[in-house]
Amino acid sequence: MSLGLFTDHPASVGENYVEHLGSAGFFGTRMVLGGLACMLHGLLPFLFVRTGRQTIELLHDRMVVNRHRRSRPAVDRAREPHPSVALAD
């Protein structure tokens, strides 16, 4: 088994294996808890009125808005056009 199976994707998002394990664990736990809160809210609408929205906002902020990538791998950079190539409108 290749070590890359465990390191390629974490590296593509600027994390090592252990950091990625922690991030994925956090996201998975929050999604499960948020989903349970939404199901309970459906049954008892007075409970968890804002929990679903707050969970989505938290995860979006953490994944998209505030993601600090260390460096993008060469594979991603290779797909970009060279800076001297003019893009057509």
PDB file of N, CA and C in Angstrom:
ATOM      1  N   MET A   1       0.843  -1.172   0.000  1.00  0.00           N
ATOM      2  CA  MET A   1       0.000   0.000   0.000  1.00  0.00           C
ATOM      3  C   MET A   1       0.891   1.238   0.000  1.00  0.00           C
ATOM      4  N   SER A   2       0.533   2.210  -0.809  1.00  0.00           N
ATOM      5  CA  SER A   2       1.328   3.421  -0.946  1.00  0.00           C
ATOM      6  C   SER A   2       1.031   4.413   0.176  1.00  0.00           C
ATOM      7  N   LEU A   3       2.078   5.017   0.702  1.00  0.00           N
ATOM      8  CA  LEU A   3       1.928   6.040   1.736  1.00  0.00           C
ATOM      9  C   LEU A   3       1.114   7.222   1.215  1.00  0.00           C
ATOM     10  N   GLY A   4       1.185   7.468  -0.099  1.00  0.00           N
ATOM     11  CA  GLY A   4       0.445   8.573  -0.707  1.00  0.00           C
ATOM     12  C   GLY A   4      -1.059   8.486  -0.500  1.00  0.00           C
ATOM     13  N   LEU A   5      -1.566   7.278  -0.306  1.00  0.00           N
ATOM     14  CA  LEU A   5      -2.998   7.128  -0.040  1.00  0.00           C
ATOM     15  C   LEU A   5      -3.407   7.870   1.228  1.00  0.00           C
ATOM     16  N   PHE A   6      -2.477   8.002   2.166  1.00  0.00           N
ATOM     17  CA  PHE A   6      -2.753   8.664   3.432  1.00  0.00           C
ATOM     18  C   PHE A   6      -2.299  10.122   3.469  1.00  0.00           C
ATOM     19  N   THR A   7      -1.470  10.531   2.524  1.00  0.00           N
ATOM     20  CA  THR A   7      -0.878  11.868   2.615  1.00  0.00           C
ATOM     21  C   THR A   7      -1.229  12.803   1.460  1.00  0.00           C
ATOM     22  N   ASP A   8      -1.605  12.280   0.305  1.00  0.00           N
ATOM     23  CA  ASP A   8      -1.845  13.144  -0.860  1.00  0.00           C
ATOM     24  C   ASP A   8      -2.990  14.131  -0.630  1.00  0.00           C
ATOM     25  N   HIS A   9      -4.148  13.641  -0.244  1.00  0.00           N
ATOM     26  CA  HIS A   9      -5.274  14.557  -0.041  1.00  0.00           C
ATOM     27  C   HIS A   9      -5.021  15.530   1.110  1.00  0.00           C
ATOM     28  N   PRO A  10      -4.579  15.072   2.286  1.00  0.00           N
ATOM     29  CA  PRO A  10      -4.291  16.058   3.336  1.00  0.00           C
ATOM     30  C   PRO A  10      -3.317  17.146   2.865  1.00  0.00           C
ATOM     31  N   ALA A  11      -2.308  16.761   2.125  1.00  0.00           N
ATOM     32  CA  ALA A  11      -1.350  17.753   1.619  1.00  0.00           C
ATOM     33  C   ALA A  11      -2.022  18.734   0.662  1.00  0.00           C
ATOM     34  N   SER A  12      -3.016  18.261  -0.097  1.00  0.00           N
ATOM     35  CA  SER A  12      -3.684  19.132  -1.065  1.00  0.00           C
ATOM     36  C   SER A  12      -4.507  20.221  -0.385  1.00  0.00           C
ATOM     37  N   VAL A  13      -4.834  20.035   0.881  1.00  0.00           N
ATOM     38  CA  VAL A  13      -5.564  21.065   1.629  1.00  0.00           C
ATOM     39  C   VAL A  13      -4.682  21.698   2.706  1.00  0.00           C
ATOM     40  N   GLY A  14      -3.378  21.506   2.591  1.00  0.00           N
ATOM     41  CA  GLY A  14      -2.431  22.164   3.482  1.00  0.00           C
ATOM     42  C   GLY A  14      -2.353  21.569   4.869  1.00  0.00           C
ATOM     43  N   GLU A  15      -2.602  20.276   4.995  1.00  0.00           N
ATOM     44  CA  GLU A  15      -2.544  19.626   6.301  1.00  0.00           C
ATOM     45  C   GLU A  15      -1.694  18.365   6.213  1.00  0.00           C
ATOM     46  N   ASN A  16      -1.204  17.924   7.371  1.00  0.00           N
ATOM     47  CA  ASN A  16      -0.584  16.610   7.402  1.00  0.00           C
ATOM     48  C   ASN A  16      -1.669  15.605   7.794  1.00  0.00           C
ATOM     49  N   TYR A  17      -1.329  14.345   7.889  1.00  0.00           N
ATOM     50  CA  TYR A  17      -2.323  13.301   8.160  1.00  0.00           C
ATOM     51  C   TYR A  17      -3.054  13.532   9.486  1.00  0.00           C
ATOM     52  N   VAL A  18      -2.317  13.828  10.551  1.00  0.00           N
ATOM     53  CA  VAL A  18      -2.920  13.993  11.873  1.00  0.00           C
ATOM     54  C   VAL A  18      -3.813  15.236  11.911  1.00  0.00           C
ATOM     55  N   GLU A  19      -3.362  16.334  11.301  1.00  0.00           N
ATOM     56  CA  GLU A  19      -4.194  17.539  11.243  1.00  0.00           C
ATOM     57  C   GLU A  19      -5.487  17.265  10.483  1.00  0.00           C
ATOM     58  N   HIS A  20      -5.363  16.541   9.375  1.00  0.00           N
ATOM     59  CA  HIS A  20      -6.544  16.232   8.567  1.00  0.00           C
ATOM     60  C   HIS A  20      -7.501  15.318   9.325  1.00  0.00           C
ATOM     61  N   LEU A  21      -6.953  14.373  10.067  1.00  0.00           N
ATOM     62  CA  LEU A  21      -7.781  13.500  10.891  1.00  0.00           C
ATOM     63  C   LEU A  21      -8.576  14.318  11.899  1.00  0.00           C
ATOM     64  N   GLY A  22      -7.939  15.274  12.524  1.00  0.00           N
ATOM     65  CA  GLY A  22      -8.627  16.137  13.484  1.00  0.00           C
ATOM     66  C   GLY A  22      -9.695  16.997  12.827  1.00  0.00           C
ATOM     67  N   SER A  23      -9.373  17.593  11.683  1.00  0.00           N
ATOM     68  CA  SER A  23     -10.348  18.431  10.972  1.00  0.00           C
ATOM     69  C   SER A  23     -11.548  17.613  10.512  1.00  0.00           C
ATOM     70  N   ALA A  24     -11.287  16.460   9.924  1.00  0.00           N
ATOM     71  CA  ALA A  24     -12.376  15.608   9.442  1.00  0.00           C
ATOM     72  C   ALA A  24     -13.223  15.111  10.610  1.00  0.00           C
ATOM     73  N   GLY A  25     -12.590  14.798  11.722  1.00  0.00           N
ATOM     74  CA  GLY A  25     -13.330  14.376  12.909  1.00  0.00           C
ATOM     75  C   GLY A  25     -14.223  15.481  13.440  1.00  0.00           C
ATOM     76  N   PHE A  26     -13.693  16.707  13.471  1.00  0.00           N
ATOM     77  CA  PHE A  26     -14.485  17.854  13.904  1.00  0.00           C
ATOM     78  C   PHE A  26     -15.688  18.056  12.991  1.00  0.00           C
ATOM     79  N   PHE A  27     -15.432  18.060  11.672  1.00  0.00           N
ATOM     80  CA  PHE A  27     -16.515  18.276  10.713  1.00  0.00           C
ATOM     81  C   PHE A  27     -17.565  17.174  10.803  1.00  0.00           C
ATOM     82  N   GLY A  28     -17.124  15.935  10.860  1.00  0.00           N
ATOM     83  CA  GLY A  28     -18.055  14.822  10.934  1.00  0.00           C
ATOM     84  C   GLY A  28     -18.918  14.875  12.178  1.00  0.00           C
ATOM     85  N   THR A  29     -18.305  15.167  13.315  1.00  0.00           N
ATOM     86  CA  THR A  29     -19.050  15.255  14.571  1.00  0.00           C
ATOM     87  C   THR A  29     -20.071  16.384  14.514  1.00  0.00           C
ATOM     88  N   ARG A  30     -19.649  17.550  14.027  1.00  0.00           N
ATOM     89  CA  ARG A  30     -20.576  18.687  13.937  1.00  0.00           C
ATOM     90  C   ARG A  30     -21.713  18.400  12.972  1.00  0.00           C
ATOM     91  N   MET A  31     -21.435  17.717  11.861  1.00  0.00           N
ATOM     92  CA  MET A  31     -22.498  17.398  10.907  1.00  0.00           C
ATOM     93  C   MET A  31     -23.506  16.427  11.511  1.00  0.00           C
ATOM     94  N   VAL A  32     -23.022  15.404  12.207  1.00  0.00           N
ATOM     95  CA  VAL A  32     -23.922  14.436  12.837  1.00  0.00           C
ATOM     96  C   VAL A  32     -24.783  15.127  13.890  1.00  0.00           C
ATOM     97  N   LEU A  33     -24.161  15.911  14.772  1.00  0.00           N
ATOM     98  CA  LEU A  33     -24.917  16.597  15.816  1.00  0.00           C
ATOM     99  C   LEU A  33     -25.904  17.611  15.231  1.00  0.00           C
ATOM    100  N   GLY A  34     -25.464  18.338  14.202  1.00  0.00           N
ATOM    101  CA  GLY A  34     -26.365  19.288  13.543  1.00  0.00           C
ATOM    102  C   GLY A  34     -27.528  18.583  12.869  1.00  0.00           C
ATOM    103  N   GLY A  35     -27.263  17.436  12.248  1.00  0.00           N
ATOM    104  CA  GLY A  35     -28.324  16.667  11.614  1.00  0.00           C
ATOM    105  C   GLY A  35     -29.332  16.134  12.620  1.00  0.00           C
ATOM    106  N   LEU A  36     -28.832  15.648  13.747  1.00  0.00           N
ATOM    107  CA  LEU A  36     -29.740  15.179  14.804  1.00  0.00           C
ATOM    108  C   LEU A  36     -30.591  16.331  15.332  1.00  0.00           C
ATOM    109  N   ALA A  37     -29.984  17.496  15.517  1.00  0.00           N
ATOM    110  CA  ALA A  37     -30.732  18.657  15.973  1.00  0.00           C
ATOM    111  C   ALA A  37     -31.818  19.037  14.966  1.00  0.00           C
ATOM    112  N   CYS A  38     -31.506  18.959  13.671  1.00  0.00           N
ATOM    113  CA  CYS A  38     -32.505  19.273  12.642  1.00  0.00           C
ATOM    114  C   CYS A  38     -33.662  18.271  12.667  1.00  0.00           C
ATOM    115  N   MET A  39     -33.351  16.992  12.856  1.00  0.00           N
ATOM    116  CA  MET A  39     -34.417  15.990  12.914  1.00  0.00           C
ATOM    117  C   MET A  39     -35.298  16.212  14.138  1.00  0.00           C
ATOM    118  N   LEU A  40     -34.688  16.526  15.269  1.00  0.00           N
ATOM    119  CA  LEU A  40     -35.483  16.817  16.466  1.00  0.00           C
ATOM    120  C   LEU A  40     -36.311  18.089  16.282  1.00  0.00           C
ATOM    121  N   HIS A  41     -35.737  19.069  15.608  1.00  0.00           N
ATOM    122  CA  HIS A  41     -36.459  20.308  15.322  1.00  0.00           C
ATOM    123  C   HIS A  41     -37.685  20.022  14.457  1.00  0.00           C
ATOM    124  N   GLY A  42     -37.547  19.114  13.495  1.00  0.00           N
ATOM    125  CA  GLY A  42     -38.695  18.756  12.663  1.00  0.00           C
ATOM    126  C   GLY A  42     -39.823  18.164  13.493  1.00  0.00           C
ATOM    127  N   LEU A  43     -39.476  17.362  14.458  1.00  0.00           N
ATOM    128  CA  LEU A  43     -40.467  16.722  15.329  1.00  0.00           C
ATOM    129  C   LEU A  43     -41.006  17.696  16.378  1.00  0.00           C
ATOM    130  N   LEU A  44     -40.115  18.480  16.951  1.00  0.00           N
ATOM    131  CA  LEU A  44     -40.468  19.438  18.009  1.00  0.00           C
ATOM    132  C   LEU A  44     -39.943  20.814  17.587  1.00  0.00           C
ATOM    133  N   PRO A  45     -40.715  21.564  16.806  1.00  0.00           N
ATOM    134  CA  PRO A  45     -40.225  22.795  16.168  1.00  0.00           C
ATOM    135  C   PRO A  45     -39.737  23.884  17.111  1.00  0.00           C
ATOM    136  N   PHE A  46     -40.036  23.780  18.372  1.00  0.00           N
ATOM    137  CA  PHE A  46     -39.585  24.793  19.330  1.00  0.00           C
ATOM    138  C   PHE A  46     -38.166  24.516  19.820  1.00  0.00           C
ATOM    139  N   LEU A  47     -37.610  23.346  19.467  1.00  0.00           N
ATOM    140  CA  LEU A  47     -36.236  23.013  19.847  1.00  0.00           C
ATOM    141  C   LEU A  47     -35.279  23.289  18.693  1.00  0.00           C
ATOM    142  N   PHE A  48     -34.065  23.661  19.012  1.00  0.00           N
ATOM    143  CA  PHE A  48     -32.975  23.806  18.034  1.00  0.00           C
ATOM    144  C   PHE A  48     -33.381  24.671  16.838  1.00  0.00           C
ATOM    145  N   VAL A  49     -33.994  25.807  17.120  1.00  0.00           N
ATOM    146  CA  VAL A  49     -34.525  26.679  16.071  1.00  0.00           C
ATOM    147  C   VAL A  49     -33.423  27.214  15.154  1.00  0.00           C
ATOM    148  N   ARG A  50     -32.248  27.500  15.686  1.00  0.00           N
ATOM    149  CA  ARG A  50     -31.150  28.075  14.888  1.00  0.00           C
ATOM    150  C   ARG A  50     -29.967  27.134  14.704  1.00  0.00           C
ATOM    151  N   THR A  51     -30.016  25.961  15.272  1.00  0.00           N
ATOM    152  CA  THR A  51     -28.852  25.075  15.298  1.00  0.00           C
ATOM    153  C   THR A  51     -28.397  24.648  13.904  1.00  0.00           C
ATOM    154  N   GLY A  52     -29.321  24.281  13.028  1.00  0.00           N
ATOM    155  CA  GLY A  52     -28.943  23.853  11.678  1.00  0.00           C
ATOM    156  C   GLY A  52     -28.203  24.945  10.922  1.00  0.00           C
ATOM    157  N   ARG A  53     -28.780  26.156  10.931  1.00  0.00           N
ATOM    158  CA  ARG A  53     -28.152  27.284  10.238  1.00  0.00           C
ATOM    159  C   ARG A  53     -26.794  27.610  10.855  1.00  0.00           C
ATOM    160  N   GLN A  54     -26.724  27.617  12.174  1.00  0.00           N
ATOM    161  CA  GLN A  54     -25.467  27.937  12.842  1.00  0.00           C
ATOM    162  C   GLN A  54     -24.394  26.894  12.544  1.00  0.00           C
ATOM    163  N   THR A  55     -24.781  25.636  12.469  1.00  0.00           N
ATOM    164  CA  THR A  55     -23.819  24.575  12.151  1.00  0.00           C
ATOM    165  C   THR A  55     -23.290  24.739  10.737  1.00  0.00           C
ATOM    166  N   ILE A  56     -24.193  25.008   9.789  1.00  0.00           N
ATOM    167  CA  ILE A  56     -23.774  25.207   8.396  1.00  0.00           C
ATOM    168  C   ILE A  56     -22.848  26.411   8.282  1.00  0.00           C
ATOM    169  N   GLU A  57     -23.188  27.506   8.939  1.00  0.00           N
ATOM    170  CA  GLU A  57     -22.338  28.699   8.889  1.00  0.00           C
ATOM    171  C   GLU A  57     -20.963  28.425   9.481  1.00  0.00           C
ATOM    172  N   LEU A  58     -20.926  27.738  10.616  1.00  0.00           N
ATOM    173  CA  LEU A  58     -19.646  27.411  11.251  1.00  0.00           C
ATOM    174  C   LEU A  58     -18.773  26.572  10.322  1.00  0.00           C
ATOM    175  N   LEU A  59     -19.359  25.529   9.756  1.00  0.00           N
ATOM    176  CA  LEU A  59     -18.577  24.641   8.900  1.00  0.00           C
ATOM    177  C   LEU A  59     -18.148  25.348   7.617  1.00  0.00           C
ATOM    178  N   HIS A  60     -19.023  26.159   7.047  1.00  0.00           N
ATOM    179  CA  HIS A  60     -18.666  26.914   5.838  1.00  0.00           C
ATOM    180  C   HIS A  60     -17.523  27.878   6.132  1.00  0.00           C
ATOM    181  N   ASP A  61     -17.635  28.607   7.238  1.00  0.00           N
ATOM    182  CA  ASP A  61     -16.567  29.546   7.601  1.00  0.00           C
ATOM    183  C   ASP A  61     -15.244  28.819   7.794  1.00  0.00           C
ATOM    184  N   ARG A  62     -15.300  27.698   8.451  1.00  0.00           N
ATOM    185  CA  ARG A  62     -14.069  26.963   8.733  1.00  0.00           C
ATOM    186  C   ARG A  62     -13.470  26.329   7.475  1.00  0.00           C
ATOM    187  N   MET A  63     -14.320  25.851   6.579  1.00  0.00           N
ATOM    188  CA  MET A  63     -13.814  25.156   5.391  1.00  0.00           C
ATOM    189  C   MET A  63     -13.486  26.108   4.249  1.00  0.00           C
ATOM    190  N   VAL A  64     -14.302  27.130   4.040  1.00  0.00           N
ATOM    191  CA  VAL A  64     -14.152  27.971   2.862  1.00  0.00           C
ATOM    192  C   VAL A  64     -13.566  29.338   3.197  1.00  0.00           C
ATOM    193  N   VAL A  65     -14.190  30.037   4.105  1.00  0.00           N
ATOM    194  CA  VAL A  65     -13.819  31.428   4.365  1.00  0.00           C
ATOM    195  C   VAL A  65     -12.467  31.544   5.060  1.00  0.00           C
ATOM    196  N   ASN A  66     -12.238  30.726   6.078  1.00  0.00           N
ATOM    197  CA  ASN A  66     -11.034  30.882   6.898  1.00  0.00           C
ATOM    198  C   ASN A  66      -9.983  29.800   6.692  1.00  0.00           C
ATOM    199  N   ARG A  67     -10.058  29.042   5.615  1.00  0.00           N
ATOM    200  CA  ARG A  67      -9.068  27.991   5.353  1.00  0.00           C
ATOM    201  C   ARG A  67      -7.759  28.642   4.969  1.00  0.00           C
ATOM    202  N   HIS A  68      -6.719  28.320   5.690  1.00  0.00           N
ATOM    203  CA  HIS A  68      -5.393  28.863   5.390  1.00  0.00           C
ATOM    204  C   HIS A  68      -4.543  27.726   4.842  1.00  0.00           C
ATOM    205  N   ARG A  69      -4.430  27.676   3.549  1.00  0.00           N
ATOM    206  CA  ARG A  69      -3.621  26.626   2.932  1.00  0.00           C
ATOM    207  C   ARG A  69      -2.159  27.021   3.001  1.00  0.00           C
ATOM    208  N   ARG A  70      -1.362  26.051   3.375  1.00  0.00           N
ATOM    209  CA  ARG A  70       0.084  26.323   3.485  1.00  0.00           C
ATOM    210  C   ARG A  70       0.691  26.544   2.111  1.00  0.00           C
ATOM    211  N   SER A  71       0.528  25.568   1.255  1.00  0.00           N
ATOM    212  CA  SER A  71       0.997  25.717  -0.121  1.00  0.00           C
ATOM    213  C   SER A  71       0.242  24.721  -0.975  1.00  0.00           C
ATOM    214  N   ARG A  72      -0.084  25.129  -2.163  1.00  0.00           N
ATOM    215  CA  ARG A  72      -0.807  24.240  -3.054  1.00  0.00           C
ATOM    216  C   ARG A  72       0.176  23.309  -3.718  1.00  0.00           C
ATOM    217  N   PRO A  73      -0.174  22.061  -3.903  1.00  0.00           N
ATOM    218  CA  PRO A  73       0.748  21.114  -4.530  1.00  0.00           C
ATOM    219  C   PRO A  73       1.003  21.452  -5.995  1.00  0.00           C
ATOM    220  N   ALA A  74       2.123  20.974  -6.486  1.00  0.00           N
ATOM    221  CA  ALA A  74       2.507  21.231  -7.873  1.00  0.00           C
ATOM    222  C   ALA A  74       1.462  20.726  -8.854  1.00  0.00           C
ATOM    223  N   VAL A  75       0.738  19.688  -8.509  1.00  0.00           N
ATOM    224  CA  VAL A  75      -0.292  19.142  -9.402  1.00  0.00           C
ATOM    225  C   VAL A  75      -1.337  20.209  -9.695  1.00  0.00           C
ATOM    226  N   ASP A  76      -1.786  20.957  -8.675  1.00  0.00           N
ATOM    227  CA  ASP A  76      -2.771  22.012  -8.876  1.00  0.00           C
ATOM    228  C   ASP A  76      -2.186  23.158  -9.693  1.00  0.00           C
ATOM    229  N   ARG A  77      -0.968  23.557  -9.370  1.00  0.00           N
ATOM    230  CA  ARG A  77      -0.349  24.665 -10.097  1.00  0.00           C
ATOM    231  C   ARG A  77      -0.125  24.315 -11.555  1.00  0.00           C
ATOM    232  N   ALA A  78       0.122  23.052 -11.845  1.00  0.00           N
ATOM    233  CA  ALA A  78       0.389  22.642 -13.221  1.00  0.00           C
ATOM    234  C   ALA A  78      -0.842  22.809 -14.098  1.00  0.00           C
ATOM    235  N   ARG A  79      -2.028  22.803 -13.541  1.00  0.00           N
ATOM    236  CA  ARG A  79      -3.261  22.940 -14.316  1.00  0.00           C
ATOM    237  C   ARG A  79      -3.578  24.385 -14.664  1.00  0.00           C
ATOM    238  N   GLU A  80      -2.943  25.320 -13.984  1.00  0.00           N
ATOM    239  CA  GLU A  80      -3.198  26.728 -14.243  1.00  0.00           C
ATOM    240  C   GLU A  80      -2.408  27.183 -15.462  1.00  0.00           C
ATOM    241  N   PRO A  81      -2.983  28.112 -16.239  1.00  0.00           N
ATOM    242  CA  PRO A  81      -2.226  28.633 -17.386  1.00  0.00           C
ATOM    243  C   PRO A  81      -1.040  29.453 -16.908  1.00  0.00           C
ATOM    244  N   HIS A  82      -0.032  29.497 -17.712  1.00  0.00           N
ATOM    245  CA  HIS A  82       1.137  30.300 -17.391  1.00  0.00           C
ATOM    246  C   HIS A  82       0.712  31.763 -17.329  1.00  0.00           C
ATOM    247  N   PRO A  83       1.278  32.567 -16.417  1.00  0.00           N
ATOM    248  CA  PRO A  83       0.864  33.974 -16.290  1.00  0.00           C
ATOM    249  C   PRO A  83       0.988  34.769 -17.576  1.00  0.00           C
ATOM    250  N   SER A  84       1.864  34.370 -18.472  1.00  0.00           N
ATOM    251  CA  SER A  84       2.030  35.118 -19.713  1.00  0.00           C
ATOM    252  C   SER A  84       0.935  34.797 -20.737  1.00  0.00           C
ATOM    253  N   VAL A  85       0.112  33.786 -20.479  1.00  0.00           N
ATOM    254  CA  VAL A  85      -0.959  33.433 -21.404  1.00  0.00           C
ATOM    255  C   VAL A  85      -2.143  34.358 -21.163  1.00  0.00           C
ATOM    256  N   ALA A  86      -2.558  35.084 -22.224  1.00  0.00           N
ATOM    257  CA  ALA A  86      -3.697  35.987 -22.076  1.00  0.00           C
ATOM    258  C   ALA A  86      -4.988  35.191 -22.181  1.00  0.00           C
ATOM    259  N   LEU A  87      -5.902  35.483 -21.270  1.00  0.00           N
ATOM    260  CA  LEU A  87      -7.201  34.813 -21.295  1.00  0.00           C
ATOM    261  C   LEU A  87      -8.184  35.601 -22.142  1.00  0.00           C
ATOM    262  N   ALA A  88      -8.934  34.901 -22.969  1.00  0.00           N
ATOM    263  CA  ALA A  88      -9.932  35.559 -23.835  1.00  0.00           C
ATOM    264  C   ALA A  88     -11.150  35.952 -23.011  1.00  0.00           C
ATOM    265  N   ASP A  89     -11.783  37.041 -23.389  1.00  0.00           N
ATOM    266  CA  ASP A  89     -13.002  37.487 -22.689  1.00  0.00           C
ATOM    267  C   ASP A  89     -14.164  36.633 -23.077  1.00  0.00           C
TER     268      ASP A  89
END
